[in-house]
C-alpha atoms as a PDB file:
ATOM      1  CA  MET A   1     -24.814   3.999  -3.975  1.00  0.00           C
ATOM      2  CA  VAL A   2     -21.467   2.192  -3.743  1.00  0.00           C
ATOM      3  CA  GLU A   3     -20.969  -0.526  -6.368  1.00  0.00           C
ATOM      4  CA  LYS A   4     -20.208  -3.894  -4.729  1.00  0.00           C
ATOM      5  CA  PHE A   5     -17.638  -4.983  -7.315  1.00  0.00           C
ATOM      6  CA  LEU A   6     -15.557  -6.815  -4.696  1.00  0.00           C
ATOM      7  CA  GLU A   7     -18.408  -8.993  -3.456  1.00  0.00           C
ATOM      8  CA  GLY A   8     -17.225 -12.601  -3.118  1.00  0.00           C
ATOM      9  CA  LYS A   9     -13.613 -11.463  -3.236  1.00  0.00           C
ATOM     10  CA  GLY A  10     -10.998 -11.167  -0.527  1.00  0.00           C
ATOM     11  CA  ALA A  11      -8.518  -8.369   0.043  1.00  0.00           C
ATOM     12  CA  LEU A  12      -5.254  -8.258   1.976  1.00  0.00           C
ATOM     13  CA  ILE A  13      -3.810  -4.966   3.181  1.00  0.00           C
ATOM     14  CA  THR A  14      -0.403  -4.620   4.816  1.00  0.00           C
ATOM     15  CA  GLY A  15       0.071  -1.639   7.095  1.00  0.00           C
ATOM     16  CA  GLY A  16      -3.685  -1.873   7.512  1.00  0.00           C
ATOM     17  CA  ALA A  17      -4.097  -0.512  11.041  1.00  0.00           C
ATOM     18  CA  SER A  18      -3.799   3.175  10.171  1.00  0.00           C
ATOM     19  CA  GLY A  19      -3.397   5.776   7.443  1.00  0.00           C
ATOM     20  CA  PHE A  20      -3.835   4.691   3.833  1.00  0.00           C
ATOM     21  CA  GLY A  21      -4.220   1.050   4.861  1.00  0.00           C
ATOM     22  CA  ARG A  22      -7.115   1.736   7.207  1.00  0.00           C
ATOM     23  CA  GLY A  23      -8.811   3.980   4.649  1.00  0.00           C
ATOM     24  CA  VAL A  24      -8.529   1.315   1.964  1.00  0.00           C
ATOM     25  CA  ALA A  25      -9.840  -1.341   4.370  1.00  0.00           C
ATOM     26  CA  TYR A  26     -13.038   0.658   4.824  1.00  0.00           C
ATOM     27  CA  ALA A  27     -13.341   1.259   1.072  1.00  0.00           C
ATOM     28  CA  PHE A  28     -12.789  -2.370   0.063  1.00  0.00           C
ATOM     29  CA  ALA A  29     -15.207  -3.650   2.712  1.00  0.00           C
ATOM     30  CA  GLU A  30     -17.844  -1.133   1.616  1.00  0.00           C
ATOM     31  CA  ARG A  31     -17.515  -2.584  -1.889  1.00  0.00           C
ATOM     32  CA  GLY A  32     -18.200  -6.099  -0.657  1.00  0.00           C
ATOM     33  CA  ALA A  33     -14.767  -7.539   0.138  1.00  0.00           C
ATOM     34  CA  ASN A  34     -13.845  -9.531   3.190  1.00  0.00           C
ATOM     35  CA  VAL A  35     -10.525  -8.101   4.316  1.00  0.00           C
ATOM     36  CA  ALA A  36      -7.388  -9.288   6.098  1.00  0.00           C
ATOM     37  CA  ILE A  37      -5.553  -6.331   7.596  1.00  0.00           C
ATOM     38  CA  ILE A  38      -1.908  -6.825   8.513  1.00  0.00           C
ATOM     39  CA  ASP A  39       0.176  -4.747  10.909  1.00  0.00           C
ATOM     40  CA  ILE A  40       2.752  -4.983  13.704  1.00  0.00           C
ATOM     41  CA  ASN A  41       0.711  -2.746  16.040  1.00  0.00           C
ATOM     42  CA  GLU A  42      -1.617  -5.333  17.578  1.00  0.00           C
ATOM     43  CA  GLU A  43      -3.686  -2.919  19.670  1.00  0.00           C
ATOM     44  CA  LEU A  44      -4.370  -0.522  16.807  1.00  0.00           C
ATOM     45  CA  LEU A  45      -4.938  -3.456  14.460  1.00  0.00           C
ATOM     46  CA  GLU A  46      -7.685  -4.917  16.660  1.00  0.00           C
ATOM     47  CA  GLU A  47      -9.290  -1.497  17.055  1.00  0.00           C
ATOM     48  CA  THR A  48      -9.311  -0.859  13.299  1.00  0.00           C
ATOM     49  CA  ALA A  49     -10.656  -4.334  12.510  1.00  0.00           C
ATOM     50  CA  LYS A  50     -13.572  -3.863  14.912  1.00  0.00           C
ATOM     51  CA  LYS A  51     -14.427  -0.408  13.573  1.00  0.00           C
ATOM     52  CA  VAL A  52     -14.348  -1.527   9.924  1.00  0.00           C
ATOM     53  CA  ALA A  53     -16.392  -4.661  10.661  1.00  0.00           C
ATOM     54  CA  ASP A  54     -18.970  -2.731  12.698  1.00  0.00           C
ATOM     55  CA  LYS A  55     -19.391  -0.089   9.995  1.00  0.00           C
ATOM     56  CA  THR A  56     -19.472  -2.351   6.942  1.00  0.00           C
ATOM     57  CA  GLY A  57     -20.759  -5.694   8.211  1.00  0.00           C
ATOM     58  CA  GLN A  58     -17.944  -7.481   6.372  1.00  0.00           C
ATOM     59  CA  LYS A  59     -15.529 -10.078   7.739  1.00  0.00           C
ATOM     60  CA  ILE A  60     -12.345  -8.292   8.833  1.00  0.00           C
ATOM     61  CA  ILE A  61      -9.413 -10.442   9.936  1.00  0.00           C
ATOM     62  CA  PRO A  62      -6.596  -8.746  11.899  1.00  0.00           C
ATOM     63  CA  ILE A  63      -3.222 -10.504  11.600  1.00  0.00           C
ATOM     64  CA  VAL A  64      -0.089  -9.367  13.410  1.00  0.00           C
ATOM     65  CA  CYS A  65       2.942  -9.703  11.146  1.00  0.00           C
ATOM     66  CA  ASP A  66       6.341  -8.139  10.578  1.00  0.00           C
ATOM     67  CA  VAL A  67       6.485  -8.086   6.771  1.00  0.00           C
ATOM     68  CA  SER A  68      10.291  -8.040   6.806  1.00  0.00           C
ATOM     69  CA  LYS A  69      10.376 -11.575   8.273  1.00  0.00           C
ATOM     70  CA  LEU A  70       9.778 -14.432   5.823  1.00  0.00           C
ATOM     71  CA  ASP A  71       8.529 -16.890   8.443  1.00  0.00           C
ATOM     72  CA  GLN A  72       5.949 -14.395   9.706  1.00  0.00           C
ATOM     73  CA  VAL A  73       4.836 -13.536   6.165  1.00  0.00           C
ATOM     74  CA  GLU A  74       4.351 -17.201   5.252  1.00  0.00           C
ATOM     75  CA  THR A  75       2.343 -17.801   8.436  1.00  0.00           C
ATOM     76  CA  MET A  76       0.269 -14.680   7.737  1.00  0.00           C
ATOM     77  CA  VAL A  77      -0.520 -15.756   4.161  1.00  0.00           C
ATOM     78  CA  LYS A  78      -1.544 -19.219   5.358  1.00  0.00           C
ATOM     79  CA  GLN A  79      -3.887 -17.711   7.964  1.00  0.00           C
ATOM     80  CA  ALA A  80      -5.358 -15.254   5.466  1.00  0.00           C
ATOM     81  CA  TYR A  81      -6.255 -18.064   3.062  1.00  0.00           C
ATOM     82  CA  GLN A  82      -7.752 -20.102   5.890  1.00  0.00           C
ATOM     83  CA  GLU A  83      -9.997 -17.169   6.811  1.00  0.00           C
ATOM     84  CA  LEU A  84     -10.794 -15.882   3.310  1.00  0.00           C
ATOM     85  CA  GLU A  85     -12.036 -17.844   0.312  1.00  0.00           C
ATOM     86  CA  ASN A  86      -9.508 -16.016  -1.862  1.00  0.00           C
ATOM     87  CA  VAL A  87      -7.268 -12.963  -2.027  1.00  0.00           C
ATOM     88  CA  TYR A  88      -8.267 -11.027  -5.129  1.00  0.00           C
ATOM     89  CA  VAL A  89      -6.501  -7.781  -4.290  1.00  0.00           C
ATOM     90  CA  LEU A  90      -3.303  -7.085  -2.369  1.00  0.00           C
ATOM     91  CA  PHE A  91      -2.583  -3.541  -1.225  1.00  0.00           C
ATOM     92  CA  ASN A  92       1.131  -3.783  -0.463  1.00  0.00           C
ATOM     93  CA  ASN A  93       1.230  -0.764   1.801  1.00  0.00           C
ATOM     94  CA  ALA A  94       3.375  -1.367   4.911  1.00  0.00           C
ATOM     95  CA  GLY A  95       6.284   1.028   5.230  1.00  0.00           C
ATOM     96  CA  ILE A  96       8.277   3.241   7.561  1.00  0.00           C
ATOM     97  CA  GLY A  97      10.141   6.519   7.351  1.00  0.00           C
ATOM     98  CA  ILE A  98      13.271   7.169   9.428  1.00  0.00           C
ATOM     99  CA  ALA A  99      16.135   9.630   9.845  1.00  0.00           C
ATOM    100  CA  TYR A 100      14.557  12.667   8.156  1.00  0.00           C
ATOM    101  CA  GLY A 101      17.190  15.261   7.395  1.00  0.00           C
ATOM    102  CA  LYS A 102      20.230  12.979   7.317  1.00  0.00           C
ATOM    103  CA  ASN A 103      21.983  12.975   3.963  1.00  0.00           C
ATOM    104  CA  ILE A 104      23.024   9.770   2.232  1.00  0.00           C
ATOM    105  CA  CYS A 105      26.536   9.924   3.734  1.00  0.00           C
ATOM    106  CA  ARG A 106      25.337  10.331   7.329  1.00  0.00           C
ATOM    107  CA  LEU A 107      22.925   7.410   7.536  1.00  0.00           C
ATOM    108  CA  ARG A 108      23.869   4.648   9.937  1.00  0.00           C
ATOM    109  CA  GLU A 109      23.996   1.073   8.689  1.00  0.00           C
ATOM    110  CA  GLU A 110      21.210  -0.059  11.021  1.00  0.00           C
ATOM    111  CA  GLN A 111      18.936   2.728   9.703  1.00  0.00           C
ATOM    112  CA  TRP A 112      19.632   1.700   6.122  1.00  0.00           C
ATOM    113  CA  ASP A 113      18.995  -1.978   6.884  1.00  0.00           C
ATOM    114  CA  LYS A 114      15.763  -1.331   8.776  1.00  0.00           C
ATOM    115  CA  ILE A 115      14.068   0.777   6.124  1.00  0.00           C
ATOM    116  CA  MET A 116      15.222  -1.478   3.287  1.00  0.00           C
ATOM    117  CA  SER A 117      13.916  -4.580   5.060  1.00  0.00           C
ATOM    118  CA  VAL A 118      10.458  -3.134   5.702  1.00  0.00           C
ATOM    119  CA  ASN A 119       9.773  -0.872   2.717  1.00  0.00           C
ATOM    120  CA  LEU A 120      11.293  -2.921  -0.092  1.00  0.00           C
ATOM    121  CA  LYS A 121      12.045  -6.438   1.087  1.00  0.00           C
ATOM    122  CA  GLY A 122       8.698  -6.525   2.895  1.00  0.00           C
ATOM    123  CA  GLN A 123       6.707  -5.727  -0.248  1.00  0.00           C
ATOM    124  CA  TRP A 124       8.703  -8.326  -2.194  1.00  0.00           C
ATOM    125  CA  LEU A 125       8.160 -11.025   0.448  1.00  0.00           C
ATOM    126  CA  VAL A 126       4.410 -10.442   0.648  1.00  0.00           C
ATOM    127  CA  ALA A 127       3.924 -10.361  -3.138  1.00  0.00           C
ATOM    128  CA  LYS A 128       6.198 -13.389  -3.600  1.00  0.00           C
ATOM    129  CA  SER A 129       4.315 -15.381  -0.974  1.00  0.00           C
ATOM    130  CA  LEU A 130       0.903 -14.567  -2.463  1.00  0.00           C
ATOM    131  CA  CYS A 131       1.399 -14.454  -6.233  1.00  0.00           C
ATOM    132  CA  ARG A 132       1.146 -18.183  -7.010  1.00  0.00           C
ATOM    133  CA  LYS A 133      -2.023 -18.540  -4.971  1.00  0.00           C
ATOM    134  CA  ILE A 134      -3.570 -15.457  -6.564  1.00  0.00           C
ATOM    135  CA  LYS A 135      -2.594 -16.561 -10.071  1.00  0.00           C
ATOM    136  CA  ALA A 136      -4.331 -19.930  -9.612  1.00  0.00           C
ATOM    137  CA  GLN A 137      -7.698 -18.363  -8.711  1.00  0.00           C
ATOM    138  CA  LYS A 138     -10.630 -18.102 -11.091  1.00  0.00           C
ATOM    139  CA  PHE A 139     -13.689 -15.882 -10.887  1.00  0.00           C
ATOM    140  CA  ASP A 140     -16.874 -15.912 -12.919  1.00  0.00           C
ATOM    141  CA  ASN A 141     -17.170 -12.908 -15.246  1.00  0.00           C
ATOM    142  CA  ASP A 142     -13.612 -11.746 -14.514  1.00  0.00           C
ATOM    143  CA  SER A 143     -10.672 -12.437 -16.819  1.00  0.00           C
ATOM    144  CA  LEU A 144      -8.256 -11.559 -14.039  1.00  0.00           C
ATOM    145  CA  SER A 145      -7.355 -13.701 -11.057  1.00  0.00           C
ATOM    146  CA  GLY A 146      -6.164 -10.763  -8.980  1.00  0.00           C
ATOM    147  CA  ARG A 147      -4.705  -7.301  -8.513  1.00  0.00           C
ATOM    148  CA  ILE A 148      -1.582  -6.115  -6.739  1.00  0.00           C
ATOM    149  CA  ILE A 149      -1.178  -2.455  -5.812  1.00  0.00           C
ATOM    150  CA  CYS A 150       2.165  -1.391  -4.325  1.00  0.00           C
ATOM    151  CA  ASN A 151       2.498   1.810  -2.316  1.00  0.00           C
ATOM    152  CA  ALA A 152       5.542   3.769  -3.483  1.00  0.00           C
ATOM    153  CA  SER A 153       5.937   7.548  -3.059  1.00  0.00           C
ATOM    154  CA  LEU A 154       6.679  10.744  -4.936  1.00  0.00           C
ATOM    155  CA  ALA A 155      10.033  10.470  -3.154  1.00  0.00           C
ATOM    156  CA  GLY A 156      10.723   7.618  -5.568  1.00  0.00           C
ATOM    157  CA  ILE A 157      10.066   9.930  -8.537  1.00  0.00           C
ATOM    158  CA  ASN A 158      11.373  13.272  -7.268  1.00  0.00           C
ATOM    159  CA  LEU A 159      14.332  12.262  -5.110  1.00  0.00           C
ATOM    160  CA  ASN A 160      14.374  13.810  -1.643  1.00  0.00           C
ATOM    161  CA  PRO A 161      17.934  14.357  -0.342  1.00  0.00           C
ATOM    162  CA  LYS A 162      16.576  14.602   3.212  1.00  0.00           C
ATOM    163  CA  LEU A 163      15.006  11.150   2.880  1.00  0.00           C
ATOM    164  CA  PRO A 164      17.725   9.312   0.946  1.00  0.00           C
ATOM    165  CA  ALA A 165      17.165   5.712   2.057  1.00  0.00           C
ATOM    166  CA  TYR A 166      13.393   6.158   1.941  1.00  0.00           C
ATOM    167  CA  SER A 167      13.659   7.523  -1.608  1.00  0.00           C
ATOM    168  CA  ILE A 168      15.781   4.553  -2.671  1.00  0.00           C
ATOM    169  CA  THR A 169      13.266   2.083  -1.220  1.00  0.00           C
ATOM    170  CA  LYS A 170      10.448   3.770  -3.109  1.00  0.00           C
ATOM    171  CA  ILE A 171      12.366   3.701  -6.406  1.00  0.00           C
ATOM    172  CA  GLY A 172      12.745  -0.004  -5.659  1.00  0.00           C
ATOM    173  CA  VAL A 173       9.015  -0.438  -5.060  1.00  0.00           C
ATOM    174  CA  ILE A 174       8.247   1.170  -8.422  1.00  0.00           C
ATOM    175  CA  ALA A 175      10.696  -1.226 -10.115  1.00  0.00           C
ATOM    176  CA  LEU A 176       9.323  -4.179  -8.138  1.00  0.00           C
ATOM    177  CA  ALA A 177       5.791  -3.469  -9.333  1.00  0.00           C
ATOM    178  CA  LYS A 178       6.931  -3.173 -12.956  1.00  0.00           C
ATOM    179  CA  LEU A 179       8.820  -6.472 -12.770  1.00  0.00           C
ATOM    180  CA  LEU A 180       5.890  -8.220 -11.096  1.00  0.00           C
ATOM    181  CA  SER A 181       3.561  -6.906 -13.792  1.00  0.00           C
ATOM    182  CA  MET A 182       5.741  -8.504 -16.480  1.00  0.00           C
ATOM    183  CA  THR A 183       6.000 -11.785 -14.587  1.00  0.00           C
ATOM    184  CA  LEU A 184       2.343 -12.126 -13.566  1.00  0.00           C
ATOM    185  CA  ALA A 185       0.617 -10.968 -16.778  1.00  0.00           C
ATOM    186  CA  PRO A 186      -1.917 -11.721 -18.105  1.00  0.00           C
ATOM    187  CA  ARG A 187      -3.644 -13.086 -14.971  1.00  0.00           C
ATOM    188  CA  ILE A 188      -2.734 -10.368 -12.467  1.00  0.00           C
ATOM    189  CA  THR A 189      -2.423  -6.618 -12.891  1.00  0.00           C
ATOM    190  CA  VAL A 190       0.326  -4.964 -10.857  1.00  0.00           C
ATOM    191  CA  ASN A 191       0.662  -1.218 -10.433  1.00  0.00           C
ATOM    192  CA  SER A 192       2.242   1.165  -7.971  1.00  0.00           C
ATOM    193  CA  ILE A 193       0.997   4.458  -6.622  1.00  0.00           C
ATOM    194  CA  ALA A 194       3.108   7.443  -5.597  1.00  0.00           C
ATOM    195  CA  PRO A 195       1.484   9.565  -2.889  1.00  0.00           C
ATOM    196  CA  GLY A 196       2.928  12.982  -2.085  1.00  0.00           C
ATOM    197  CA  PHE A 197       2.209  15.071   0.988  1.00  0.00           C
ATOM    198  CA  HIS A 198      -0.792  13.546   2.762  1.00  0.00           C
ATOM    199  CA  VAL A 199      -1.936  13.818   6.367  1.00  0.00           C
ATOM    200  CA  THR A 200      -0.834  10.421   7.701  1.00  0.00           C
ATOM    201  CA  GLY A 201       1.284   9.000  10.496  1.00  0.00           C
ATOM    202  CA  ILE A 202       4.563   9.576   8.650  1.00  0.00           C
ATOM    203  CA  TYR A 203       3.851  13.301   9.126  1.00  0.00           C
ATOM    204  CA  LYS A 204       2.441  12.749  12.638  1.00  0.00           C
ATOM    205  CA  ASP A 205      -1.094  13.223  11.215  1.00  0.00           C
ATOM    206  CA  SER A 206      -0.396  16.951  11.174  1.00  0.00           C
ATOM    207  CA  GLU A 207      -0.865  19.529   8.428  1.00  0.00           C
ATOM    208  CA  GLU A 208       1.501  21.783  10.390  1.00  0.00           C
ATOM    209  CA  VAL A 209       4.348  19.280  10.037  1.00  0.00           C
ATOM    210  CA  ILE A 210       3.705  19.049   6.296  1.00  0.00           C
ATOM    211  CA  GLU A 211       3.569  22.842   5.946  1.00  0.00           C
ATOM    212  CA  THR A 212       6.943  23.062   7.705  1.00  0.00           C
ATOM    213  CA  VAL A 213       8.484  20.547   5.284  1.00  0.00           C
ATOM    214  CA  LEU A 214       6.997  22.304   2.256  1.00  0.00           C
ATOM    215  CA  LYS A 215       8.292  25.679   3.426  1.00  0.00           C
ATOM    216  CA  GLU A 216      11.717  24.281   4.276  1.00  0.00           C
ATOM    217  CA  ARG A 217      12.098  22.794   0.799  1.00  0.00           C
ATOM    218  CA  ASN A 218      10.350  25.689  -0.985  1.00  0.00           C
ATOM    219  CA  ILE A 219       7.709  23.393  -2.474  1.00  0.00           C
ATOM    220  CA  GLN A 220       4.426  24.690  -3.872  1.00  0.00           C
ATOM    221  CA  ILE A 221       1.792  22.054  -4.615  1.00  0.00           C
ATOM    222  CA  PRO A 222       0.217  22.983  -7.991  1.00  0.00           C
ATOM    223  CA  LEU A 223      -3.310  22.096  -6.821  1.00  0.00           C
ATOM    224  CA  ASN A 224      -2.683  24.291  -3.782  1.00  0.00           C
ATOM    225  CA  ARG A 225      -3.697  21.897  -1.028  1.00  0.00           C
ATOM    226  CA  ILE A 226      -2.246  19.132   1.108  1.00  0.00           C
ATOM    227  CA  GLY A 227      -3.380  15.646   0.163  1.00  0.00           C
ATOM    228  CA  THR A 228      -5.792  13.532   2.194  1.00  0.00           C
ATOM    229  CA  VAL A 229      -6.046   9.814   2.866  1.00  0.00           C
ATOM    230  CA  GLU A 230      -9.183   9.809   0.705  1.00  0.00           C
ATOM    231  CA  ASP A 231      -7.215  11.046  -2.326  1.00  0.00           C
ATOM    232  CA  VAL A 232      -5.093   7.892  -2.159  1.00  0.00           C
ATOM    233  CA  VAL A 233      -8.003   5.596  -1.283  1.00  0.00           C
ATOM    234  CA  ASP A 234      -9.865   6.732  -4.407  1.00  0.00           C
ATOM    235  CA  LEU A 235      -6.912   5.758  -6.616  1.00  0.00           C
ATOM    236  CA  VAL A 236      -6.446   2.375  -4.940  1.00  0.00           C
ATOM    237  CA  VAL A 237     -10.163   1.618  -5.335  1.00  0.00           C
ATOM    238  CA  PHE A 238      -9.920   2.490  -9.036  1.00  0.00           C
ATOM    239  CA  LEU A 239      -6.951   0.131  -9.483  1.00  0.00           C
ATOM    240  CA  ALA A 240      -8.945  -2.676  -7.827  1.00  0.00           C
ATOM    241  CA  SER A 241     -12.043  -2.006  -9.925  1.00  0.00           C
ATOM    242  CA  PRO A 242     -13.329  -3.219 -13.302  1.00  0.00           C
ATOM    243  CA  ALA A 243     -12.478   0.236 -14.683  1.00  0.00           C
ATOM    244  CA  SER A 244      -8.735  -0.531 -14.624  1.00  0.00           C
ATOM    245  CA  THR A 245      -8.497  -4.012 -16.146  1.00  0.00           C
ATOM    246  CA  TYR A 246      -6.260  -2.774 -18.994  1.00  0.00           C
ATOM    247  CA  ILE A 247      -3.753  -0.956 -16.765  1.00  0.00           C
ATOM    248  CA  THR A 248      -0.656  -2.754 -15.508  1.00  0.00           C
ATOM    249  CA  GLY A 249       3.002  -1.967 -14.892  1.00  0.00           C
ATOM    250  CA  GLN A 250       2.329   1.702 -14.206  1.00  0.00           C
ATOM    251  CA  CYS A 251       3.324   4.036 -11.399  1.00  0.00           C
ATOM    252  CA  ILE A 252       0.538   6.550 -10.868  1.00  0.00           C
ATOM    253  CA  PRO A 253       1.357   9.709  -8.901  1.00  0.00           C
ATOM    254  CA  VAL A 254      -1.254  11.166  -6.560  1.00  0.00           C
ATOM    255  CA  GLY A 255       0.456  14.305  -5.335  1.00  0.00           C
ATOM    256  CA  GLY A 256      -1.478  17.308  -6.532  1.00  0.00           C
ATOM    257  CA  GLY A 257       0.744  17.833  -9.567  1.00  0.00           C
ATOM    258  CA  LEU A 258       4.186  17.549  -7.950  1.00  0.00           C
ATOM    259  CA  ALA A 259       5.461  14.535  -9.908  1.00  0.00           C
ATOM    260  CA  LYS A 260       8.174  15.290 -12.469  1.00  0.00           C
ATOM    261  CA  GLN A 261       8.654  12.175 -14.603  1.00  0.00           C
END
């Protein structure tokens, strides 16, 4: 039986229409949360919201938003708080990957700007726009007013020369989470996660694509399997749960043993 530790609490998930975001939306709703899912893909967003609501019976609010645009983020946050009683947990997940294979000297300026604005600036804008509201909340039998979980990547720990700008954004996300944890303690815990090779949209939802990348870079995953969405969902659920109230400012890898810190 799933423990309903998020009952009476709201959750907000960016990049919520697919991949890790969609998986976490299901998991949070199953644990009692009403959930706002944020994405730029309106069609997929509506589809995901309906599926999660139908399966869990929870209130699921789809909101179209480009997280790299401050005006859209502020409007999104306002709508989320109108629809939800609170936002207890933020899964700061929206991100993109571009220009695989181009080294740091071959990237075009527009590619650099695009990935920086979504992957790093976007997470900062969303956290910045929510943190005061989250910090002011109070819950019975909970010393915390909220949780923030930022999605980084093993590429931010083990630098990938074929994903240079992406790697830099993910180093930035790890630093962002650490700085937020210092600023928002003791009311809000802030941690980042660092997924490795998981079957998601960034790899075209294909194990074959991942196997090609692993072979090309001569990488052997110590646990000898490709990661799943569920592997990441389990970690995010833990970081939103009562079991993690004394963990903040950490970057937790979930990559089958690949992280070299």
